[in-house]
Amino acid sequence: ASGVPELATQNLKQQYPGINVVGCYSPSYGFEKNAEEN
């Protein structure tokens, strides 16, 4: 869900400060069938 990967990243950085997360994205429901979203 929106905001969850970003919060996961924040928590990971507390344990592994140098971990290199270069991007996060929460796709919309049914994204796999949406050519534009893909």
All heavy atoms as atom14 arrays in JSON, in Angstrom:
{
  "sequence": "ASGVPELATQNLKQQYPGINVVGCYSPSYGFEKNAEEN",
  "atom14_mask": [
    [1, 1, 1, 1, 1, 0, 0, 0, 0, 0, 0, 0, 0, 0],
    [1, 1, 1, 1, 1, 1, 0, 0, 0, 0, 0, 0, 0, 0],
    [1, 1, 1, 1, 0, 0, 0, 0, 0, 0, 0, 0, 0, 0],
    [1, 1, 1, 1, 1, 1, 1, 0, 0, 0, 0, 0, 0, 0],
    [1, 1, 1, 1, 1, 1, 1, 0, 0, 0, 0, 0, 0, 0],
    [1, 1, 1, 1, 1, 1, 1, 1, 1, 0, 0, 0, 0, 0],
    [1, 1, 1, 1, 1, 1, 1, 1, 0, 0, 0, 0, 0, 0],
    [1, 1, 1, 1, 1, 0, 0, 0, 0, 0, 0, 0, 0, 0],
    [1, 1, 1, 1, 1, 1, 1, 0, 0, 0, 0, 0, 0, 0],
    [1, 1, 1, 1, 1, 1, 1, 1, 1, 0, 0, 0, 0, 0],
    [1, 1, 1, 1, 1, 1, 1, 1, 0, 0, 0, 0, 0, 0],
    [1, 1, 1, 1, 1, 1, 1, 1, 0, 0, 0, 0, 0, 0],
    [1, 1, 1, 1, 1, 1, 1, 1, 1, 0, 0, 0, 0, 0],
    [1, 1, 1, 1, 1, 1, 1, 1, 1, 0, 0, 0, 0, 0],
    [1, 1, 1, 1, 1, 1, 1, 1, 1, 0, 0, 0, 0, 0],
    [1, 1, 1, 1, 1, 1, 1, 1, 1, 1, 1, 1, 0, 0],
    [1, 1, 1, 1, 1, 1, 1, 0, 0, 0, 0, 0, 0, 0],
    [1, 1, 1, 1, 0, 0, 0, 0, 0, 0, 0, 0, 0, 0],
    [1, 1, 1, 1, 1, 1, 1, 1, 0, 0, 0, 0, 0, 0],
    [1, 1, 1, 1, 1, 1, 1, 1, 0, 0, 0, 0, 0, 0],
    [1, 1, 1, 1, 1, 1, 1, 0, 0, 0, 0, 0, 0, 0],
    [1, 1, 1, 1, 1, 1, 1, 0, 0, 0, 0, 0, 0, 0],
    [1, 1, 1, 1, 0, 0, 0, 0, 0, 0, 0, 0, 0, 0],
    [1, 1, 1, 1, 1, 1, 0, 0, 0, 0, 0, 0, 0, 0],
    [1, 1, 1, 1, 1, 1, 1, 1, 1, 1, 1, 1, 0, 0],
    [1, 1, 1, 1, 1, 1, 0, 0, 0, 0, 0, 0, 0, 0],
    [1, 1, 1, 1, 1, 1, 1, 0, 0, 0, 0, 0, 0, 0],
    [1, 1, 1, 1, 1, 1, 0, 0, 0, 0, 0, 0, 0, 0],
    [1, 1, 1, 1, 1, 1, 1, 1, 1, 1, 1, 1, 0, 0],
    [1, 1, 1, 1, 0, 0, 0, 0, 0, 0, 0, 0, 0, 0],
    [1, 1, 1, 1, 1, 1, 1, 1, 1, 1, 1, 0, 0, 0],
    [1, 1, 1, 1, 1, 1, 1, 1, 1, 0, 0, 0, 0, 0],
    [1, 1, 1, 1, 1, 1, 1, 1, 1, 0, 0, 0, 0, 0],
    [1, 1, 1, 1, 1, 1, 1, 1, 0, 0, 0, 0, 0, 0],
    [1, 1, 1, 1, 1, 0, 0, 0, 0, 0, 0, 0, 0, 0],
    [1, 1, 1, 1, 1, 1, 1, 1, 1, 0, 0, 0, 0, 0],
    [1, 1, 1, 1, 1, 1, 1, 1, 1, 0, 0, 0, 0, 0],
    [1, 1, 1, 1, 1, 1, 1, 1, 0, 0, 0, 0, 0, 0]
  ],
  "atom14_positions": [
    [[0.82, -1.21, 0.0], [0.0, 0.0, 0.0], [0.86, 1.26, 0.0], [2.04, 1.23, 0.36], [-0.92, 0.0, 1.21], [0.0, 0.0, 0.0], [0.0, 0.0, 0.0], [0.0, 0.0, 0.0], [0.0, 0.0, 0.0], [0.0, 0.0, 0.0], [0.0, 0.0, 0.0], [0.0, 0.0, 0.0], [0.0, 0.0, 0.0], [0.0, 0.0, 0.0]],
    [[0.26, 2.35, -0.39], [0.96, 3.62, -0.47], [1.64, 3.97, 0.86], [1.02, 3.91, 1.92], [-0.02, 4.73, -0.85], [0.63, 5.97, -0.92], [0.0, 0.0, 0.0], [0.0, 0.0, 0.0], [0.0, 0.0, 0.0], [0.0, 0.0, 0.0], [0.0, 0.0, 0.0], [0.0, 0.0, 0.0], [0.0, 0.0, 0.0], [0.0, 0.0, 0.0]],
    [[2.91, 4.31, 0.79], [3.67, 4.7, 1.97], [4.35, 3.54, 2.68], [5.3, 3.76, 3.45], [0.0, 0.0, 0.0], [0.0, 0.0, 0.0], [0.0, 0.0, 0.0], [0.0, 0.0, 0.0], [0.0, 0.0, 0.0], [0.0, 0.0, 0.0], [0.0, 0.0, 0.0], [0.0, 0.0, 0.0], [0.0, 0.0, 0.0], [0.0, 0.0, 0.0]],
    [[3.91, 2.32, 2.43], [4.47, 1.16, 3.15], [5.92, 0.88, 2.74], [6.78, 0.69, 3.61], [3.58, -0.08, 2.97], [4.28, -1.34, 3.51], [2.25, 0.13, 3.69], [0.0, 0.0, 0.0], [0.0, 0.0, 0.0], [0.0, 0.0, 0.0], [0.0, 0.0, 0.0], [0.0, 0.0, 0.0], [0.0, 0.0, 0.0], [0.0, 0.0, 0.0]],
    [[6.25, 0.84, 1.44], [7.66, 0.6, 1.09], [8.6, 1.68, 1.62], [9.73, 1.39, 2.01], [7.65, 0.59, -0.45], [6.25, 0.29, -0.82], [5.4, 0.92, 0.23], [0.0, 0.0, 0.0], [0.0, 0.0, 0.0], [0.0, 0.0, 0.0], [0.0, 0.0, 0.0], [0.0, 0.0, 0.0], [0.0, 0.0, 0.0], [0.0, 0.0, 0.0]],
    [[8.12, 2.92, 1.65], [8.94, 4.01, 2.18], [9.19, 3.83, 3.68], [10.31, 4.06, 4.17], [8.25, 5.37, 1.93], [8.24, 5.8, 0.47], [7.13, 5.16, -0.36], [6.33, 4.36, 0.21], [7.04, 5.44, -1.56], [0.0, 0.0, 0.0], [0.0, 0.0, 0.0], [0.0, 0.0, 0.0], [0.0, 0.0, 0.0], [0.0, 0.0, 0.0]],
    [[8.15, 3.43, 4.41], [8.32, 3.18, 5.84], [9.23, 1.98, 6.09], [10.05, 1.99, 7.02], [6.95, 2.96, 6.49], [6.92, 2.79, 8.02], [7.61, 3.98, 8.71], [5.48, 2.66, 8.52], [0.0, 0.0, 0.0], [0.0, 0.0, 0.0], [0.0, 0.0, 0.0], [0.0, 0.0, 0.0], [0.0, 0.0, 0.0], [0.0, 0.0, 0.0]],
    [[9.1, 0.96, 5.25], [9.99, -0.2, 5.33], [11.44, 0.24, 5.14], [12.34, -0.23, 5.85], [9.6, -1.24, 4.3], [0.0, 0.0, 0.0], [0.0, 0.0, 0.0], [0.0, 0.0, 0.0], [0.0, 0.0, 0.0], [0.0, 0.0, 0.0], [0.0, 0.0, 0.0], [0.0, 0.0, 0.0], [0.0, 0.0, 0.0], [0.0, 0.0, 0.0]],
    [[11.65, 1.13, 4.19], [13.01, 1.65, 3.94], [13.55, 2.4, 5.15], [14.71, 2.21, 5.55], [12.99, 2.6, 2.72], [12.54, 1.87, 1.57], [14.38, 3.16, 2.45], [0.0, 0.0, 0.0], [0.0, 0.0, 0.0], [0.0, 0.0, 0.0], [0.0, 0.0, 0.0], [0.0, 0.0, 0.0], [0.0, 0.0, 0.0], [0.0, 0.0, 0.0]],
    [[12.72, 3.24, 5.75], [13.14, 3.99, 6.94], [13.56, 3.04, 8.06], [14.59, 3.25, 8.72], [12.0, 4.88, 7.43], [11.69, 6.05, 6.52], [10.48, 6.85, 7.01], [10.17, 6.85, 8.2], [9.8, 7.53, 6.1], [0.0, 0.0, 0.0], [0.0, 0.0, 0.0], [0.0, 0.0, 0.0], [0.0, 0.0, 0.0], [0.0, 0.0, 0.0]],
    [[12.77, 2.0, 8.28], [13.09, 1.04, 9.35], [14.36, 0.26, 9.03], [15.17, -0.02, 9.94], [11.92, 0.08, 9.56], [10.71, 0.77, 10.16], [10.81, 1.87, 10.71], [9.54, 0.14, 10.07], [0.0, 0.0, 0.0], [0.0, 0.0, 0.0], [0.0, 0.0, 0.0], [0.0, 0.0, 0.0], [0.0, 0.0, 0.0], [0.0, 0.0, 0.0]],
    [[14.54, -0.1, 7.76], [15.77, -0.81, 7.38], [17.0, 0.06, 7.61], [18.04, -0.42, 8.06], [15.7, -1.22, 5.91], [15.02, -2.54, 5.57], [14.92, -2.7, 4.05], [15.78, -3.71, 6.16], [0.0, 0.0, 0.0], [0.0, 0.0, 0.0], [0.0, 0.0, 0.0], [0.0, 0.0, 0.0], [0.0, 0.0, 0.0], [0.0, 0.0, 0.0]],
    [[16.88, 1.35, 7.31], [18.02, 2.25, 7.46], [18.43, 2.45, 8.92], [19.58, 2.79, 9.21], [17.73, 3.6, 6.8], [17.82, 3.55, 5.27], [17.59, 4.92, 4.67], [17.77, 4.87, 3.15], [19.18, 4.62, 2.77], [0.0, 0.0, 0.0], [0.0, 0.0, 0.0], [0.0, 0.0, 0.0], [0.0, 0.0, 0.0], [0.0, 0.0, 0.0]],
    [[17.49, 2.22, 9.83], [17.85, 2.29, 11.24], [18.78, 1.13, 11.61], [19.66, 1.28, 12.45], [16.59, 2.24, 12.1], [15.73, 3.5, 12.0], [14.49, 3.42, 12.86], [14.33, 2.51, 13.67], [13.59, 4.39, 12.71], [0.0, 0.0, 0.0], [0.0, 0.0, 0.0], [0.0, 0.0, 0.0], [0.0, 0.0, 0.0], [0.0, 0.0, 0.0]],
    [[18.57, 0.0, 10.98], [19.4, -1.17, 11.26], [20.62, -1.23, 10.35], [21.7, -1.64, 10.78], [18.57, -2.45, 11.08], [19.26, -3.72, 11.55], [18.33, -4.91, 11.54], [17.18, -4.82, 11.13], [18.84, -6.05, 11.98], [0.0, 0.0, 0.0], [0.0, 0.0, 0.0], [0.0, 0.0, 0.0], [0.0, 0.0, 0.0], [0.0, 0.0, 0.0]],
    [[20.44, -0.82, 9.1], [21.53, -0.84, 8.12], [21.63, 0.56, 7.49], [21.08, 0.8, 6.42], [21.27, -1.88, 7.02], [20.91, -3.25, 7.54], [19.6, -3.75, 7.4], [21.85, -4.06, 8.16], [19.26, -5.0, 7.87], [21.52, -5.32, 8.64], [20.22, -5.78, 8.48], [19.87, -7.03, 8.96], [0.0, 0.0, 0.0], [0.0, 0.0, 0.0]],
    [[22.3, 1.49, 8.15], [22.3, 2.89, 7.7], [22.78, 3.09, 6.27], [22.35, 4.03, 5.6], [23.26, 3.57, 8.69], [23.23, 2.7, 9.91], [23.06, 1.31, 9.4], [0.0, 0.0, 0.0], [0.0, 0.0, 0.0], [0.0, 0.0, 0.0], [0.0, 0.0, 0.0], [0.0, 0.0, 0.0], [0.0, 0.0, 0.0], [0.0, 0.0, 0.0]],
    [[23.64, 2.2, 5.8], [24.19, 2.37, 4.46], [23.44, 1.63, 3.37], [23.87, 1.63, 2.22], [0.0, 0.0, 0.0], [0.0, 0.0, 0.0], [0.0, 0.0, 0.0], [0.0, 0.0, 0.0], [0.0, 0.0, 0.0], [0.0, 0.0, 0.0], [0.0, 0.0, 0.0], [0.0, 0.0, 0.0], [0.0, 0.0, 0.0], [0.0, 0.0, 0.0]],
    [[22.32, 1.02, 3.73], [21.58, 0.26, 2.71], [21.07, 1.21, 1.63], [20.6, 2.32, 1.92], [20.44, -0.56, 3.34], [20.07, -1.74, 2.42], [19.24, 0.29, 3.71], [19.29, -2.85, 3.14], [0.0, 0.0, 0.0], [0.0, 0.0, 0.0], [0.0, 0.0, 0.0], [0.0, 0.0, 0.0], [0.0, 0.0, 0.0], [0.0, 0.0, 0.0]],
    [[21.18, 0.78, 0.38], [20.97, 1.7, -0.74], [19.67, 1.39, -1.49], [19.66, 0.66, -2.48], [22.17, 1.59, -1.7], [22.13, 2.62, -2.8], [21.45, 3.64, -2.7], [22.86, 2.37, -3.87], [0.0, 0.0, 0.0], [0.0, 0.0, 0.0], [0.0, 0.0, 0.0], [0.0, 0.0, 0.0], [0.0, 0.0, 0.0], [0.0, 0.0, 0.0]],
    [[18.57, 1.94, -1.0], [17.27, 1.78, -1.65], [17.09, 2.95, -2.62], [16.96, 4.09, -2.21], [16.12, 1.74, -0.63], [14.77, 1.59, -1.34], [16.32, 0.58, 0.37], [0.0, 0.0, 0.0], [0.0, 0.0, 0.0], [0.0, 0.0, 0.0], [0.0, 0.0, 0.0], [0.0, 0.0, 0.0], [0.0, 0.0, 0.0], [0.0, 0.0, 0.0]],
    [[17.1, 2.64, -3.92], [17.11, 3.7, -4.93], [15.71, 4.06, -5.43], [15.56, 4.98, -6.25], [17.99, 3.29, -6.13], [19.44, 3.13, -5.7], [17.46, 2.02, -6.81], [0.0, 0.0, 0.0], [0.0, 0.0, 0.0], [0.0, 0.0, 0.0], [0.0, 0.0, 0.0], [0.0, 0.0, 0.0], [0.0, 0.0, 0.0], [0.0, 0.0, 0.0]],
    [[14.69, 3.36, -4.91], [13.34, 3.71, -5.33], [12.28, 2.85, -4.67], [12.55, 1.71, -4.26], [0.0, 0.0, 0.0], [0.0, 0.0, 0.0], [0.0, 0.0, 0.0], [0.0, 0.0, 0.0], [0.0, 0.0, 0.0], [0.0, 0.0, 0.0], [0.0, 0.0, 0.0], [0.0, 0.0, 0.0], [0.0, 0.0, 0.0], [0.0, 0.0, 0.0]],
    [[11.1, 3.43, -4.5], [9.93, 2.73, -3.95], [8.71, 3.11, -4.79], [8.59, 4.26, -5.22], [9.66, 3.14, -2.5], [10.95, 2.72, -1.32], [0.0, 0.0, 0.0], [0.0, 0.0, 0.0], [0.0, 0.0, 0.0], [0.0, 0.0, 0.0], [0.0, 0.0, 0.0], [0.0, 0.0, 0.0], [0.0, 0.0, 0.0], [0.0, 0.0, 0.0]],
    [[7.83, 2.15, -4.97], [6.58, 2.48, -5.67], [5.49, 1.5, -5.26], [5.72, 0.28, -5.23], [6.78, 2.43, -7.18], [5.56, 2.89, -7.95], [5.15, 4.22, -7.92], [4.8, 1.99, -8.69], [4.03, 4.65, -8.61], [3.67, 2.4, -9.39], [3.29, 3.73, -9.34], [2.17, 4.16, -10.01], [0.0, 0.0, 0.0], [0.0, 0.0, 0.0]],
    [[4.32, 2.05, -4.97], [3.15, 1.24, -4.65], [2.21, 1.28, -5.85], [1.56, 2.3, -6.1], [2.44, 1.78, -3.41], [3.29, 1.76, -2.29], [0.0, 0.0, 0.0], [0.0, 0.0, 0.0], [0.0, 0.0, 0.0], [0.0, 0.0, 0.0], [0.0, 0.0, 0.0], [0.0, 0.0, 0.0], [0.0, 0.0, 0.0], [0.0, 0.0, 0.0]],
    [[2.13, 0.19, -6.62], [1.29, 0.22, -7.83], [-0.19, 0.22, -7.48], [-0.6, -0.23, -6.42], [1.69, -1.08, -8.55], [2.17, -1.98, -7.47], [2.8, -1.11, -6.44], [0.0, 0.0, 0.0], [0.0, 0.0, 0.0], [0.0, 0.0, 0.0], [0.0, 0.0, 0.0], [0.0, 0.0, 0.0], [0.0, 0.0, 0.0], [0.0, 0.0, 0.0]],
    [[-0.98, 0.73, -8.42], [-2.42, 0.77, -8.21], [-3.02, -0.63, -8.33], [-2.43, -1.54, -8.91], [-3.06, 1.69, -9.26], [-2.79, 1.22, -10.57], [0.0, 0.0, 0.0], [0.0, 0.0, 0.0], [0.0, 0.0, 0.0], [0.0, 0.0, 0.0], [0.0, 0.0, 0.0], [0.0, 0.0, 0.0], [0.0, 0.0, 0.0], [0.0, 0.0, 0.0]],
    [[-4.22, -0.8, -7.77], [-4.9, -2.09, -7.84], [-5.16, -2.45, -9.3], [-5.62, -1.63, -10.09], [-6.22, -2.03, -7.08], [-6.97, -3.33, -7.08], [-6.59, -4.37, -6.25], [-8.05, -3.53, -7.93], [-7.26, -5.57, -6.25], [-8.73, -4.73, -7.95], [-8.34, -5.75, -7.1], [-9.0, -6.96, -7.13], [0.0, 0.0, 0.0], [0.0, 0.0, 0.0]],
    [[-4.81, -3.69, -9.67], [-5.0, -4.13, -11.04], [-3.96, -3.61, -12.0], [-4.15, -3.67, -13.23], [0.0, 0.0, 0.0], [0.0, 0.0, 0.0], [0.0, 0.0, 0.0], [0.0, 0.0, 0.0], [0.0, 0.0, 0.0], [0.0, 0.0, 0.0], [0.0, 0.0, 0.0], [0.0, 0.0, 0.0], [0.0, 0.0, 0.0], [0.0, 0.0, 0.0]],
    [[-2.84, -3.13, -11.48], [-1.8, -2.52, -12.33], [-1.28, -3.48, -13.39], [-0.89, -3.05, -14.48], [-0.63, -2.04, -11.45], [0.29, -3.14, -10.99], [1.49, -3.39, -11.66], [-0.03, -3.94, -9.9], [2.34, -4.39, -11.24], [0.81, -4.96, -9.48], [2.0, -5.18, -10.15], [0.0, 0.0, 0.0], [0.0, 0.0, 0.0], [0.0, 0.0, 0.0]],
    [[-1.26, -4.77, -13.06], [-0.68, -5.74, -14.0], [-1.47, -5.82, -15.31], [-0.96, -6.3, -16.33], [-0.57, -7.12, -13.34], [-1.87, -7.87, -13.15], [-2.69, -7.42, -11.95], [-2.3, -6.42, -11.31], [-3.7, -8.06, -11.66], [0.0, 0.0, 0.0], [0.0, 0.0, 0.0], [0.0, 0.0, 0.0], [0.0, 0.0, 0.0], [0.0, 0.0, 0.0]],
    [[-2.73, -5.34, -15.29], [-3.56, -5.35, -16.49], [-3.67, -3.97, -17.14], [-4.39, -3.79, -18.12], [-4.96, -5.86, -16.14], [-4.97, -7.28, -15.6], [-6.36, -7.69, -15.15], [-6.35, -9.08, -14.53], [-7.68, -9.46, -14.02], [0.0, 0.0, 0.0], [0.0, 0.0, 0.0], [0.0, 0.0, 0.0], [0.0, 0.0, 0.0], [0.0, 0.0, 0.0]],
    [[-2.95, -3.02, -16.58], [-3.0, -1.63, -17.05], [-1.71, -1.32, -17.8], [-0.65, -1.14, -17.21], [-3.17, -0.69, -15.85], [-3.34, 0.76, -16.24], [-2.75, 1.23, -17.21], [-4.14, 1.49, -15.48], [0.0, 0.0, 0.0], [0.0, 0.0, 0.0], [0.0, 0.0, 0.0], [0.0, 0.0, 0.0], [0.0, 0.0, 0.0], [0.0, 0.0, 0.0]],
    [[-1.79, -1.26, -19.14], [-0.6, -1.08, -19.96], [0.14, 0.21, -19.62], [1.37, 0.24, -19.54], [-0.98, -1.09, -21.44], [0.0, 0.0, 0.0], [0.0, 0.0, 0.0], [0.0, 0.0, 0.0], [0.0, 0.0, 0.0], [0.0, 0.0, 0.0], [0.0, 0.0, 0.0], [0.0, 0.0, 0.0], [0.0, 0.0, 0.0], [0.0, 0.0, 0.0]],
    [[-0.61, 1.29, -19.38], [0.01, 2.58, -19.07], [0.76, 2.53, -17.75], [1.89, 3.04, -17.65], [-1.07, 3.66, -19.03], [-0.52, 5.08, -18.9], [-1.61, 6.13, -18.97], [-2.7, 5.84, -19.53], [-1.39, 7.23, -18.46], [0.0, 0.0, 0.0], [0.0, 0.0, 0.0], [0.0, 0.0, 0.0], [0.0, 0.0, 0.0], [0.0, 0.0, 0.0]],
    [[0.15, 1.91, -16.75], [0.8, 1.79, -15.44], [2.05, 0.92, -15.54], [3.1, 1.24, -14.96], [-0.19, 1.19, -14.43], [0.4, 0.87, -13.06], [0.4, 2.03, -12.1], [0.53, 3.18, -12.57], [0.3, 1.81, -10.89], [0.0, 0.0, 0.0], [0.0, 0.0, 0.0], [0.0, 0.0, 0.0], [0.0, 0.0, 0.0], [0.0, 0.0, 0.0]],
    [[1.96, -0.17, -16.29], [3.12, -1.04, -16.46], [4.27, -0.32, -17.15], [5.43, -0.47, -16.75], [2.73, -2.3, -17.25], [2.12, -3.36, -16.35], [2.69, -3.73, -15.35], [0.95, -3.83, -16.73], [0.0, 0.0, 0.0], [0.0, 0.0, 0.0], [0.0, 0.0, 0.0], [0.0, 0.0, 0.0], [0.0, 0.0, 0.0], [0.0, 0.0, 0.0]]
  ]
}
